[in-house]
Amino acid sequence: LTAAALGAAMLPLRSHLSIATSALVLVIPVVAGVV
C-alpha cells in the first residue's frame, strides 16, 4: 500500500523526477514492510 500510494503521489510529478529520485523514494515501502 505504501508503494502504491507513493507511486500515485509521484505520478503527477513524473516529468520532473529523475529515474533515480523515484527509486530512492521507493526505498520507503521496503523499510516500512520489513519493520
PDB file of all heavy atoms in Angstrom:
ATOM      1  N   LEU A   1       0.814  -1.214   0.000  1.00  0.00           N
ATOM      2  CA  LEU A   1       0.000   0.000   0.000  1.00  0.00           C
ATOM      3  C   LEU A   1       0.848   1.265   0.000  1.00  0.00           C
ATOM      4  O   LEU A   1       0.507   2.247  -0.661  1.00  0.00           O
ATOM      5  CB  LEU A   1      -0.950  -0.005   1.199  1.00  0.00           C
ATOM      6  CG  LEU A   1      -2.034  -1.094   1.155  1.00  0.00           C
ATOM      7  CD1 LEU A   1      -2.823  -1.114   2.461  1.00  0.00           C
ATOM      8  CD2 LEU A   1      -2.952  -0.901  -0.037  1.00  0.00           C
ATOM      9  N   THR A   2       1.972   1.234   0.696  1.00  0.00           N
ATOM     10  CA  THR A   2       2.873   2.385   0.695  1.00  0.00           C
ATOM     11  C   THR A   2       3.489   2.595  -0.683  1.00  0.00           C
ATOM     12  O   THR A   2       3.586   3.730  -1.163  1.00  0.00           O
ATOM     13  CB  THR A   2       3.973   2.227   1.762  1.00  0.00           C
ATOM     14  OG1 THR A   2       3.366   2.017   3.035  1.00  0.00           O
ATOM     15  CG2 THR A   2       4.863   3.448   1.827  1.00  0.00           C
ATOM     16  N   ALA A   3       3.889   1.513  -1.337  1.00  0.00           N
ATOM     17  CA  ALA A   3       4.445   1.625  -2.692  1.00  0.00           C
ATOM     18  C   ALA A   3       3.403   2.213  -3.645  1.00  0.00           C
ATOM     19  O   ALA A   3       3.712   3.103  -4.448  1.00  0.00           O
ATOM     20  CB  ALA A   3       4.923   0.260  -3.187  1.00  0.00           C
ATOM     21  N   ALA A   4       2.170   1.718  -3.551  1.00  0.00           N
ATOM     22  CA  ALA A   4       1.106   2.221  -4.420  1.00  0.00           C
ATOM     23  C   ALA A   4       0.812   3.694  -4.140  1.00  0.00           C
ATOM     24  O   ALA A   4       0.650   4.492  -5.071  1.00  0.00           O
ATOM     25  CB  ALA A   4      -0.158   1.379  -4.241  1.00  0.00           C
ATOM     26  N   ALA A   5       0.759   4.056  -2.868  1.00  0.00           N
ATOM     27  CA  ALA A   5       0.467   5.448  -2.504  1.00  0.00           C
ATOM     28  C   ALA A   5       1.581   6.389  -2.962  1.00  0.00           C
ATOM     29  O   ALA A   5       1.308   7.475  -3.493  1.00  0.00           O
ATOM     30  CB  ALA A   5       0.264   5.554  -0.991  1.00  0.00           C
ATOM     31  N   LEU A   6       2.823   5.981  -2.766  1.00  0.00           N
ATOM     32  CA  LEU A   6       3.939   6.826  -3.200  1.00  0.00           C
ATOM     33  C   LEU A   6       3.982   6.944  -4.719  1.00  0.00           C
ATOM     34  O   LEU A   6       4.260   8.021  -5.262  1.00  0.00           O
ATOM     35  CB  LEU A   6       5.260   6.289  -2.660  1.00  0.00           C
ATOM     36  CG  LEU A   6       5.473   6.467  -1.163  1.00  0.00           C
ATOM     37  CD1 LEU A   6       6.714   5.705  -0.716  1.00  0.00           C
ATOM     38  CD2 LEU A   6       5.586   7.941  -0.810  1.00  0.00           C
ATOM     39  N   GLY A   7       3.719   5.843  -5.408  1.00  0.00           N
ATOM     40  CA  GLY A   7       3.664   5.895  -6.866  1.00  0.00           C
ATOM     41  C   GLY A   7       2.587   6.852  -7.352  1.00  0.00           C
ATOM     42  O   GLY A   7       2.810   7.663  -8.260  1.00  0.00           O
ATOM     43  N   ALA A   8       1.420   6.779  -6.721  1.00  0.00           N
ATOM     44  CA  ALA A   8       0.318   7.674  -7.093  1.00  0.00           C
ATOM     45  C   ALA A   8       0.656   9.127  -6.770  1.00  0.00           C
ATOM     46  O   ALA A   8       0.331  10.031  -7.552  1.00  0.00           O
ATOM     47  CB  ALA A   8      -0.959   7.250  -6.366  1.00  0.00           C
ATOM     48  N   ALA A   9       1.314   9.351  -5.636  1.00  0.00           N
ATOM     49  CA  ALA A   9       1.676  10.721  -5.253  1.00  0.00           C
ATOM     50  C   ALA A   9       2.725  11.308  -6.192  1.00  0.00           C
ATOM     51  O   ALA A   9       2.699  12.510  -6.487  1.00  0.00           O
ATOM     52  CB  ALA A   9       2.185  10.736  -3.815  1.00  0.00           C
ATOM     53  N   MET A  10       3.641  10.473  -6.666  1.00  0.00           N
ATOM     54  CA  MET A  10       4.705  10.974  -7.547  1.00  0.00           C
ATOM     55  C   MET A  10       4.285  11.045  -9.012  1.00  0.00           C
ATOM     56  O   MET A  10       4.949  11.711  -9.809  1.00  0.00           O
ATOM     57  CB  MET A  10       5.953  10.092  -7.425  1.00  0.00           C
ATOM     58  CG  MET A  10       6.663  10.200  -6.101  1.00  0.00           C
ATOM     59  SD  MET A  10       8.248   9.322  -6.071  1.00  0.00           S
ATOM     60  CE  MET A  10       7.745   7.612  -6.284  1.00  0.00           C
ATOM     61  N   LEU A  11       3.212  10.361  -9.376  1.00  0.00           N
ATOM     62  CA  LEU A  11       2.800  10.314 -10.781  1.00  0.00           C
ATOM     63  C   LEU A  11       2.638  11.699 -11.409  1.00  0.00           C
ATOM     64  O   LEU A  11       3.155  11.931 -12.506  1.00  0.00           O
ATOM     65  CB  LEU A  11       1.525   9.481 -10.930  1.00  0.00           C
ATOM     66  CG  LEU A  11       0.981   9.328 -12.341  1.00  0.00           C
ATOM     67  CD1 LEU A  11       2.006   8.661 -13.249  1.00  0.00           C
ATOM     68  CD2 LEU A  11      -0.313   8.528 -12.316  1.00  0.00           C
ATOM     69  N   PRO A  12       1.952  12.641 -10.760  1.00  0.00           N
ATOM     70  CA  PRO A  12       1.831  13.962 -11.396  1.00  0.00           C
ATOM     71  C   PRO A  12       3.164  14.690 -11.569  1.00  0.00           C
ATOM     72  O   PRO A  12       3.279  15.601 -12.380  1.00  0.00           O
ATOM     73  CB  PRO A  12       0.928  14.751 -10.437  1.00  0.00           C
ATOM     74  CG  PRO A  12       0.295  13.756  -9.553  1.00  0.00           C
ATOM     75  CD  PRO A  12       1.190  12.561  -9.520  1.00  0.00           C
ATOM     76  N   LEU A  13       4.160  14.269 -10.805  1.00  0.00           N
ATOM     77  CA  LEU A  13       5.478  14.907 -10.867  1.00  0.00           C
ATOM     78  C   LEU A  13       6.465  14.133 -11.729  1.00  0.00           C
ATOM     79  O   LEU A  13       7.642  14.496 -11.800  1.00  0.00           O
ATOM     80  CB  LEU A  13       6.046  15.026  -9.445  1.00  0.00           C
ATOM     81  CG  LEU A  13       5.162  15.730  -8.422  1.00  0.00           C
ATOM     82  CD1 LEU A  13       5.723  15.574  -7.028  1.00  0.00           C
ATOM     83  CD2 LEU A  13       5.002  17.192  -8.795  1.00  0.00           C
ATOM     84  N   ARG A  14       6.005  13.055 -12.360  1.00  0.00           N
ATOM     85  CA  ARG A  14       6.898  12.149 -13.086  1.00  0.00           C
ATOM     86  C   ARG A  14       7.812  12.866 -14.065  1.00  0.00           C
ATOM     87  O   ARG A  14       8.999  12.541 -14.152  1.00  0.00           O
ATOM     88  CB  ARG A  14       6.070  11.079 -13.802  1.00  0.00           C
ATOM     89  CG  ARG A  14       6.897  10.125 -14.626  1.00  0.00           C
ATOM     90  CD  ARG A  14       6.107   8.967 -15.153  1.00  0.00           C
ATOM     91  NE  ARG A  14       5.026   9.386 -16.018  1.00  0.00           N
ATOM     92  CZ  ARG A  14       4.054   8.581 -16.419  1.00  0.00           C
ATOM     93  NH1 ARG A  14       4.013   7.325 -16.036  1.00  0.00           N
ATOM     94  NH2 ARG A  14       3.095   9.021 -17.204  1.00  0.00           N
ATOM     95  N   SER A  15       7.305  13.851 -14.780  1.00  0.00           N
ATOM     96  CA  SER A  15       8.140  14.532 -15.773  1.00  0.00           C
ATOM     97  C   SER A  15       9.227  15.390 -15.124  1.00  0.00           C
ATOM     98  O   SER A  15      10.189  15.775 -15.782  1.00  0.00           O
ATOM     99  CB  SER A  15       7.283  15.395 -16.688  1.00  0.00           C
ATOM    100  OG  SER A  15       6.634  16.414 -15.943  1.00  0.00           O
ATOM    101  N   HIS A  16       9.106  15.672 -13.838  1.00  0.00           N
ATOM    102  CA  HIS A  16      10.081  16.484 -13.127  1.00  0.00           C
ATOM    103  C   HIS A  16      11.042  15.653 -12.272  1.00  0.00           C
ATOM    104  O   HIS A  16      11.976  16.208 -11.696  1.00  0.00           O
ATOM    105  CB  HIS A  16       9.378  17.498 -12.235  1.00  0.00           C
ATOM    106  CG  HIS A  16       8.442  18.388 -12.971  1.00  0.00           C
ATOM    107  ND1 HIS A  16       8.857  19.365 -13.850  1.00  0.00           N
ATOM    108  CD2 HIS A  16       7.084  18.423 -12.983  1.00  0.00           C
ATOM    109  CE1 HIS A  16       7.807  19.974 -14.357  1.00  0.00           C
ATOM    110  NE2 HIS A  16       6.720  19.426 -13.855  1.00  0.00           N
ATOM    111  N   LEU A  17      10.775  14.351 -12.168  1.00  0.00           N
ATOM    112  CA  LEU A  17      11.596  13.469 -11.335  1.00  0.00           C
ATOM    113  C   LEU A  17      12.552  12.651 -12.189  1.00  0.00           C
ATOM    114  O   LEU A  17      12.181  12.206 -13.276  1.00  0.00           O
ATOM    115  CB  LEU A  17      10.710  12.500 -10.542  1.00  0.00           C
ATOM    116  CG  LEU A  17       9.738  13.103  -9.546  1.00  0.00           C
ATOM    117  CD1 LEU A  17       8.846  12.019  -8.955  1.00  0.00           C
ATOM    118  CD2 LEU A  17      10.483  13.820  -8.440  1.00  0.00           C
ATOM    119  N   SER A  18      13.738  12.447 -11.687  1.00  0.00           N
ATOM    120  CA  SER A  18      14.655  11.548 -12.385  1.00  0.00           C
ATOM    121  C   SER A  18      14.307  10.111 -12.035  1.00  0.00           C
ATOM    122  O   SER A  18      13.600   9.847 -11.062  1.00  0.00           O
ATOM    123  CB  SER A  18      16.107  11.849 -11.984  1.00  0.00           C
ATOM    124  OG  SER A  18      16.344  11.412 -10.656  1.00  0.00           O
ATOM    125  N   ILE A  19      14.833   9.190 -12.819  1.00  0.00           N
ATOM    126  CA  ILE A  19      14.638   7.769 -12.546  1.00  0.00           C
ATOM    127  C   ILE A  19      15.204   7.432 -11.159  1.00  0.00           C
ATOM    128  O   ILE A  19      14.621   6.670 -10.405  1.00  0.00           O
ATOM    129  CB  ILE A  19      15.330   6.922 -13.636  1.00  0.00           C
ATOM    130  CG1 ILE A  19      14.720   7.192 -14.999  1.00  0.00           C
ATOM    131  CG2 ILE A  19      15.307   5.453 -13.297  1.00  0.00           C
ATOM    132  CD1 ILE A  19      13.318   6.682 -15.174  1.00  0.00           C
ATOM    133  N   ALA A  20      16.326   8.034 -10.811  1.00  0.00           N
ATOM    134  CA  ALA A  20      16.968   7.763  -9.522  1.00  0.00           C
ATOM    135  C   ALA A  20      16.132   8.281  -8.361  1.00  0.00           C
ATOM    136  O   ALA A  20      16.023   7.614  -7.324  1.00  0.00           O
ATOM    137  CB  ALA A  20      18.357   8.388  -9.490  1.00  0.00           C
ATOM    138  N   THR A  21      15.533   9.436  -8.507  1.00  0.00           N
ATOM    139  CA  THR A  21      14.726  10.005  -7.425  1.00  0.00           C
ATOM    140  C   THR A  21      13.546   9.107  -7.096  1.00  0.00           C
ATOM    141  O   THR A  21      13.268   8.836  -5.920  1.00  0.00           O
ATOM    142  CB  THR A  21      14.231  11.413  -7.799  1.00  0.00           C
ATOM    143  OG1 THR A  21      15.356  12.242  -8.063  1.00  0.00           O
ATOM    144  CG2 THR A  21      13.384  12.014  -6.691  1.00  0.00           C
ATOM    145  N   SER A  22      12.851   8.640  -8.116  1.00  0.00           N
ATOM    146  CA  SER A  22      11.705   7.765  -7.856  1.00  0.00           C
ATOM    147  C   SER A  22      12.154   6.460  -7.192  1.00  0.00           C
ATOM    148  O   SER A  22      11.483   5.947  -6.293  1.00  0.00           O
ATOM    149  CB  SER A  22      10.918   7.494  -9.141  1.00  0.00           C
ATOM    150  OG  SER A  22      11.745   6.992 -10.153  1.00  0.00           O
ATOM    151  N   ALA A  23      13.304   5.942  -7.583  1.00  0.00           N
ATOM    152  CA  ALA A  23      13.821   4.723  -6.951  1.00  0.00           C
ATOM    153  C   ALA A  23      14.149   4.968  -5.490  1.00  0.00           C
ATOM    154  O   ALA A  23      13.864   4.119  -4.631  1.00  0.00           O
ATOM    155  CB  ALA A  23      15.050   4.220  -7.695  1.00  0.00           C
ATOM    156  N   LEU A  24      14.734   6.109  -5.185  1.00  0.00           N
ATOM    157  CA  LEU A  24      15.071   6.421  -3.801  1.00  0.00           C
ATOM    158  C   LEU A  24      13.827   6.559  -2.934  1.00  0.00           C
ATOM    159  O   LEU A  24      13.811   6.106  -1.791  1.00  0.00           O
ATOM    160  CB  LEU A  24      15.917   7.688  -3.729  1.00  0.00           C
ATOM    161  CG  LEU A  24      17.343   7.544  -4.231  1.00  0.00           C
ATOM    162  CD1 LEU A  24      18.029   8.910  -4.300  1.00  0.00           C
ATOM    163  CD2 LEU A  24      18.129   6.606  -3.342  1.00  0.00           C
ATOM    164  N   VAL A  25      12.788   7.174  -3.460  1.00  0.00           N
ATOM    165  CA  VAL A  25      11.539   7.299  -2.706  1.00  0.00           C
ATOM    166  C   VAL A  25      10.945   5.911  -2.452  1.00  0.00           C
ATOM    167  O   VAL A  25      10.383   5.656  -1.384  1.00  0.00           O
ATOM    168  CB  VAL A  25      10.543   8.210  -3.448  1.00  0.00           C
ATOM    169  CG1 VAL A  25       9.165   8.167  -2.805  1.00  0.00           C
ATOM    170  CG2 VAL A  25      11.065   9.644  -3.487  1.00  0.00           C
ATOM    171  N   LEU A  26      11.114   4.998  -3.400  1.00  0.00           N
ATOM    172  CA  LEU A  26      10.547   3.655  -3.257  1.00  0.00           C
ATOM    173  C   LEU A  26      11.357   2.750  -2.323  1.00  0.00           C
ATOM    174  O   LEU A  26      11.048   1.569  -2.180  1.00  0.00           O
ATOM    175  CB  LEU A  26      10.352   3.024  -4.636  1.00  0.00           C
ATOM    176  CG  LEU A  26       9.233   3.690  -5.449  1.00  0.00           C
ATOM    177  CD1 LEU A  26       9.240   3.197  -6.882  1.00  0.00           C
ATOM    178  CD2 LEU A  26       7.880   3.466  -4.802  1.00  0.00           C
ATOM    179  N   VAL A  27      12.347   3.320  -1.645  1.00  0.00           N
ATOM    180  CA  VAL A  27      13.009   2.613  -0.548  1.00  0.00           C
ATOM    181  C   VAL A  27      12.061   2.576   0.664  1.00  0.00           C
ATOM    182  O   VAL A  27      12.046   1.612   1.431  1.00  0.00           O
ATOM    183  CB  VAL A  27      14.341   3.304  -0.168  1.00  0.00           C
ATOM    184  CG1 VAL A  27      14.929   2.716   1.101  1.00  0.00           C
ATOM    185  CG2 VAL A  27      15.330   3.224  -1.314  1.00  0.00           C
ATOM    186  N   ILE A  28      11.259   3.611   0.818  1.00  0.00           N
ATOM    187  CA  ILE A  28      10.382   3.754   1.979  1.00  0.00           C
ATOM    188  C   ILE A  28       9.453   2.556   2.173  1.00  0.00           C
ATOM    189  O   ILE A  28       9.369   2.025   3.283  1.00  0.00           O
ATOM    190  CB  ILE A  28       9.599   5.082   1.899  1.00  0.00           C
ATOM    191  CG1 ILE A  28      10.573   6.255   1.975  1.00  0.00           C
ATOM    192  CG2 ILE A  28       8.539   5.172   2.993  1.00  0.00           C
ATOM    193  CD1 ILE A  28       9.972   7.593   1.612  1.00  0.00           C
ATOM    194  N   PRO A  29       8.750   2.079   1.125  1.00  0.00           N
ATOM    195  CA  PRO A  29       7.865   0.932   1.366  1.00  0.00           C
ATOM    196  C   PRO A  29       8.605  -0.331   1.779  1.00  0.00           C
ATOM    197  O   PRO A  29       8.069  -1.139   2.546  1.00  0.00           O
ATOM    198  CB  PRO A  29       7.145   0.715   0.032  1.00  0.00           C
ATOM    199  CG  PRO A  29       7.646   1.709  -0.912  1.00  0.00           C
ATOM    200  CD  PRO A  29       8.617   2.602  -0.222  1.00  0.00           C
ATOM    201  N   VAL A  30       9.819  -0.502   1.297  1.00  0.00           N
ATOM    202  CA  VAL A  30      10.599  -1.686   1.663  1.00  0.00           C
ATOM    203  C   VAL A  30      10.932  -1.643   3.150  1.00  0.00           C
ATOM    204  O   VAL A  30      10.708  -2.612   3.879  1.00  0.00           O
ATOM    205  CB  VAL A  30      11.871  -1.806   0.803  1.00  0.00           C
ATOM    206  CG1 VAL A  30      12.743  -2.952   1.275  1.00  0.00           C
ATOM    207  CG2 VAL A  30      11.509  -1.968  -0.670  1.00  0.00           C
ATOM    208  N   VAL A  31      11.423  -0.513   3.607  1.00  0.00           N
ATOM    209  CA  VAL A  31      11.767  -0.379   5.021  1.00  0.00           C
ATOM    210  C   VAL A  31      10.505  -0.504   5.884  1.00  0.00           C
ATOM    211  O   VAL A  31      10.506  -1.199   6.905  1.00  0.00           O
ATOM    212  CB  VAL A  31      12.504   0.948   5.283  1.00  0.00           C
ATOM    213  CG1 VAL A  31      12.719   1.175   6.776  1.00  0.00           C
ATOM    214  CG2 VAL A  31      13.831   0.968   4.543  1.00  0.00           C
ATOM    215  N   ALA A  32       9.420   0.131   5.466  1.00  0.00           N
ATOM    216  CA  ALA A  32       8.164   0.043   6.225  1.00  0.00           C
ATOM    217  C   ALA A  32       7.666  -1.403   6.294  1.00  0.00           C
ATOM    218  O   ALA A  32       7.228  -1.868   7.352  1.00  0.00           O
ATOM    219  CB  ALA A  32       7.103   0.940   5.590  1.00  0.00           C
ATOM    220  N   GLY A  33       7.747  -2.116   5.184  1.00  0.00           N
ATOM    221  CA  GLY A  33       7.309  -3.512   5.161  1.00  0.00           C
ATOM    222  C   GLY A  33       8.153  -4.395   6.058  1.00  0.00           C
ATOM    223  O   GLY A  33       7.617  -5.240   6.797  1.00  0.00           O
ATOM    224  N   VAL A  34       9.463  -4.204   6.032  1.00  0.00           N
ATOM    225  CA  VAL A  34      10.363  -5.021   6.857  1.00  0.00           C
ATOM    226  C   VAL A  34      10.153  -4.732   8.335  1.00  0.00           C
ATOM    227  O   VAL A  34      10.048  -5.653   9.146  1.00  0.00           O
ATOM    228  CB  VAL A  34      11.846  -4.776   6.483  1.00  0.00           C
ATOM    229  CG1 VAL A  34      12.770  -5.459   7.459  1.00  0.00           C
ATOM    230  CG2 VAL A  34      12.134  -5.250   5.084  1.00  0.00           C
ATOM    231  N   VAL A  35      10.094  -3.466   8.697  1.00  0.00           N
ATOM    232  CA  VAL A  35       9.941  -3.110  10.104  1.00  0.00           C
ATOM    233  C   VAL A  35       8.603  -3.619  10.643  1.00  0.00           C
ATOM    234  O   VAL A  35       8.525  -4.081  11.778  1.00  0.00           O
ATOM    235  CB  VAL A  35      10.081  -1.576  10.289  1.00  0.00           C
ATOM    236  CG1 VAL A  35       9.666  -1.138  11.679  1.00  0.00           C
ATOM    237  CG2 VAL A  35      11.509  -1.153  10.001  1.00  0.00           C
TER     238      VAL A  35
END
